[in-house]
Protein backbone atom coordinates (compact mmCIF):
# COMPACT_ATOMS: atom_id res chain seq x y z
CA MET A 1 34.29 7.50 -4.30
CA THR A 2 36.98 10.40 -5.53
CA ALA A 3 35.79 13.96 -4.95
CA ALA A 4 34.82 16.12 -7.60
CA LYS A 5 37.10 18.49 -9.73
CA ARG A 6 36.85 21.92 -8.25
CA VAL A 7 36.38 24.54 -11.16
CA ALA A 8 36.58 27.92 -11.84
CA LEU A 9 34.05 29.72 -13.93
CA TYR A 10 35.55 33.09 -15.74
CA ALA A 11 33.16 35.15 -16.95
CA ARG A 12 33.99 38.50 -18.73
CA VAL A 13 31.98 41.25 -20.93
CA SER A 14 33.39 44.56 -21.47
CA THR A 15 31.22 46.88 -20.43
CA ASP A 16 29.14 47.77 -17.37
CA GLU A 17 25.93 46.98 -19.42
CA GLN A 18 26.60 43.44 -20.96
CA ASP A 19 25.04 41.23 -19.07
CA THR A 20 27.40 37.32 -17.92
CA GLY A 21 24.02 35.54 -18.23
CA ILE A 22 24.75 33.41 -20.52
CA GLN A 23 28.25 32.95 -20.42
CA LEU A 24 27.67 31.57 -16.63
CA ALA A 25 24.49 29.35 -17.91
CA ASP A 26 26.68 27.57 -20.34
CA LEU A 27 29.57 27.01 -17.85
CA HIS A 28 27.37 26.16 -14.83
CA ARG A 29 25.08 23.31 -16.62
CA LEU A 30 29.22 21.94 -18.32
CA ALA A 31 30.22 21.59 -14.48
CA ASP A 32 26.62 19.65 -14.25
CA GLN A 33 27.59 17.51 -16.73
CA ARG A 34 30.99 16.89 -15.69
CA GLY A 35 29.60 16.35 -11.73
CA TRP A 36 32.02 18.88 -10.87
CA GLU A 37 31.86 21.14 -7.79
CA VAL A 38 32.06 24.71 -8.59
CA ALA A 39 34.74 26.56 -6.57
CA GLY A 40 33.54 30.08 -7.83
CA GLU A 41 32.41 32.58 -10.76
CA TYR A 42 35.20 34.59 -11.87
CA ILE A 43 33.83 37.83 -13.33
CA ASP A 44 35.09 40.46 -14.91
CA HIS A 45 32.56 43.20 -15.54
CA GLY A 46 33.15 46.27 -18.17
CA VAL A 47 37.24 45.00 -18.26
CA SER A 48 38.46 45.27 -21.67
CA GLY A 49 39.71 41.71 -22.86
CA ALA A 50 43.14 43.68 -23.95
CA LYS A 51 43.67 44.81 -19.85
CA ALA A 52 46.72 42.27 -19.02
CA SER A 53 46.01 42.48 -15.30
CA ARG A 54 41.67 41.94 -14.47
CA PRO A 55 40.34 41.13 -10.67
CA ALA A 56 38.85 38.33 -11.65
CA LEU A 57 41.14 37.05 -13.49
CA ASP A 58 44.06 37.65 -10.88
CA ARG A 59 41.56 35.73 -8.24
CA LEU A 60 41.55 32.88 -10.35
CA MET A 61 45.17 32.49 -11.37
CA ALA A 62 46.05 32.83 -7.36
CA ASP A 63 43.61 30.20 -6.61
CA ALA A 64 44.62 27.59 -9.12
CA ARG A 65 48.45 28.69 -8.29
CA ALA A 66 47.68 27.87 -4.39
CA GLY A 67 45.94 24.84 -5.45
CA ARG A 68 42.60 25.47 -4.83
CA LEU A 69 41.35 24.56 -8.55
CA ALA A 70 41.06 21.20 -10.77
CA VAL A 71 39.71 22.55 -13.77
CA VAL A 72 39.26 26.51 -15.36
CA ALA A 73 36.19 26.46 -17.77
CA VAL A 74 35.47 29.25 -20.40
CA TRP A 75 32.85 30.22 -22.18
CA ARG A 76 35.20 31.31 -25.56
CA PHE A 77 38.84 31.60 -25.38
CA ASP A 78 38.61 35.61 -26.50
CA ARG A 79 36.72 36.10 -22.77
CA PHE A 80 39.93 34.76 -21.68
CA ALA A 81 43.07 36.14 -23.24
CA ARG A 82 44.15 39.36 -24.24
CA SER A 83 46.14 37.39 -28.28
CA THR A 84 46.99 33.63 -28.49
CA ALA A 85 50.76 34.88 -26.95
CA HIS A 86 48.20 35.04 -23.86
CA LEU A 87 46.53 32.06 -24.15
CA LEU A 88 49.41 30.01 -24.43
CA GLN A 89 51.22 31.38 -21.58
CA ALA A 90 48.16 30.12 -19.25
CA LEU A 91 47.20 27.45 -20.99
CA SER A 92 51.51 26.19 -20.08
CA GLU A 93 50.97 27.22 -16.40
CA PHE A 94 47.97 25.77 -16.02
CA ASP A 95 49.77 22.83 -17.80
CA ALA A 96 52.51 22.95 -14.87
CA LEU A 97 50.09 23.41 -11.97
CA SER A 98 48.07 19.85 -13.18
CA VAL A 99 44.76 22.16 -13.98
CA ASP A 100 42.81 21.37 -16.53
CA PHE A 101 41.25 24.39 -18.85
CA VAL A 102 37.87 24.30 -20.78
CA SER A 103 36.20 26.49 -23.81
CA VAL A 104 32.64 25.49 -24.22
CA ARG A 105 32.23 27.20 -27.19
CA GLU A 106 35.42 25.78 -29.01
CA SER A 107 34.78 22.04 -27.16
CA ILE A 108 38.43 22.18 -26.24
CA ASP A 109 39.16 20.49 -23.07
CA THR A 110 42.93 19.64 -22.45
CA SER A 111 41.90 16.61 -20.31
CA THR A 112 41.11 14.97 -23.41
CA PRO A 113 43.78 13.93 -25.71
CA MET A 114 42.02 16.05 -28.59
CA GLY A 115 42.11 18.99 -26.69
CA LYS A 116 45.60 18.33 -26.00
CA MET A 117 46.59 17.64 -29.24
CA VAL A 118 44.83 20.93 -30.19
CA PHE A 119 46.91 23.09 -27.38
CA THR A 120 49.73 22.44 -29.06
CA MET A 121 49.31 22.80 -32.68
CA ILE A 122 48.13 26.33 -31.41
CA ALA A 123 51.49 26.20 -29.25
CA ALA A 124 53.28 25.09 -32.77
CA VAL A 125 51.63 27.87 -34.68
CA SER A 126 52.29 30.82 -32.98
CA GLU A 127 56.20 29.95 -32.41
CA LEU A 128 55.90 29.98 -35.38
CA GLU A 129 54.07 33.26 -36.00
CA ARG A 130 57.48 34.72 -33.53
CA ALA A 131 60.41 32.77 -35.70
CA LEU A 132 58.86 34.52 -38.88
CA ILE A 133 58.43 37.43 -37.11
CA ARG A 134 61.39 37.38 -35.61
CA GLU A 135 63.99 36.63 -39.07
CA ARG A 136 61.68 39.74 -40.80
CA VAL A 137 62.97 42.24 -38.06
CA ILE A 138 66.56 40.73 -38.16
CA ALA A 139 66.32 40.91 -42.19
CA GLY A 140 65.20 44.66 -41.98
CA VAL A 141 67.64 45.88 -39.60
CA ARG A 142 70.68 44.41 -41.69
CA ARG A 143 69.03 45.98 -44.78
CA ALA A 144 68.42 49.47 -42.36
CA GLN A 145 72.61 48.64 -41.54
CA ALA A 146 73.84 47.53 -45.13
CA GLN A 147 72.06 50.50 -46.56
CA GLY A 148 74.08 52.81 -43.44
CA LYS A 149 71.45 53.46 -41.08
CA HIS A 150 71.38 53.37 -37.73
CA CYS A 151 69.69 50.75 -35.87
CA GLY A 152 68.97 50.49 -31.96
CA ARG A 153 69.42 53.00 -29.16
CA LYS A 154 71.64 56.17 -30.04
CA PRO A 155 75.07 56.50 -28.23
CA VAL A 156 75.07 58.31 -24.88
CA SER A 157 77.90 60.34 -25.05
CA ILE A 158 79.60 61.30 -21.60
CA ASP A 159 82.30 62.67 -20.07
CA LEU A 160 84.47 60.97 -18.88
CA ARG A 161 86.86 62.91 -16.83
CA PRO A 162 84.74 64.06 -14.16
CA ALA A 163 82.92 60.19 -13.44
CA VAL A 164 86.65 59.27 -13.13
CA ALA A 165 87.61 62.57 -10.75
CA MET A 166 84.64 61.57 -8.77
CA LEU A 167 85.79 57.59 -8.73
CA ASP A 168 89.18 58.39 -7.67
CA LYS A 169 88.04 60.01 -4.62
CA GLY A 170 86.33 57.68 -3.38
CA HIS A 171 82.46 58.02 -4.80
CA GLY A 172 80.47 54.59 -5.30
CA ILE A 173 79.39 53.48 -9.55
CA LYS A 174 75.88 54.28 -8.33
CA THR A 175 76.76 58.07 -7.12
CA THR A 176 78.32 58.94 -9.82
CA ALA A 177 76.51 57.30 -12.43
CA ARG A 178 73.44 59.75 -11.15
CA SER A 179 75.27 62.71 -10.99
CA LEU A 180 76.03 61.93 -14.64
CA GLY A 181 72.49 61.11 -15.41
CA VAL A 182 73.13 58.08 -16.91
CA SER A 183 72.59 54.35 -15.74
CA VAL A 184 75.17 52.65 -13.93
CA SER A 185 75.89 49.83 -17.25
CA THR A 186 76.57 52.79 -19.75
CA LEU A 187 78.73 54.23 -17.55
CA GLN A 188 81.05 51.14 -16.76
CA VAL A 189 80.63 50.00 -20.53
CA ARG A 190 82.01 53.86 -21.26
CA LEU A 191 84.75 53.18 -18.68
CA ARG A 192 85.24 49.82 -20.10
CA GLU A 193 86.02 50.89 -23.93
CA ALA A 194 88.05 54.23 -22.80
CA ARG A 195 90.34 51.62 -20.89
CA GLU A 196 90.73 49.44 -24.33
């Protein structure tokens, strides 16, 4: 007889006044139906879904990476992920770790062929969205440049004479850059440009 899969039940509410009872009841019901062993409840109380770092979610991810979980179950996507990009990143990591992901409300289960297909479609739409945004940004920059507008950071002006003097006296590039108030890479670029 094979051992039951270990499942993490993740729930989140945005304020301390809210309750995770409904979420956890549905998640425990799912675990019972599937014959999963509940490895733990990972609950973030009063934590915004927009936050990248959440105590319970961070602990869940650490347990998944340590191989302590076979399944992560959530009540709804928005309880787990702060954005589509965050969801896809987590699902990709779970896939690499051989951890299945189940969302009760959306009826998504990456252990099934249909769940894998839905995940693939979400990933494809997200990739298309990123590509379209990238194209719009590039088009906007080109249009601005054609109108004579400068795009990007303003170039840092540096008087290279003190830098050259310091370097000639044996000071290192880091010390020299720090004394001039610029980054090492900026100083290196300016020195290279001056030699050309």
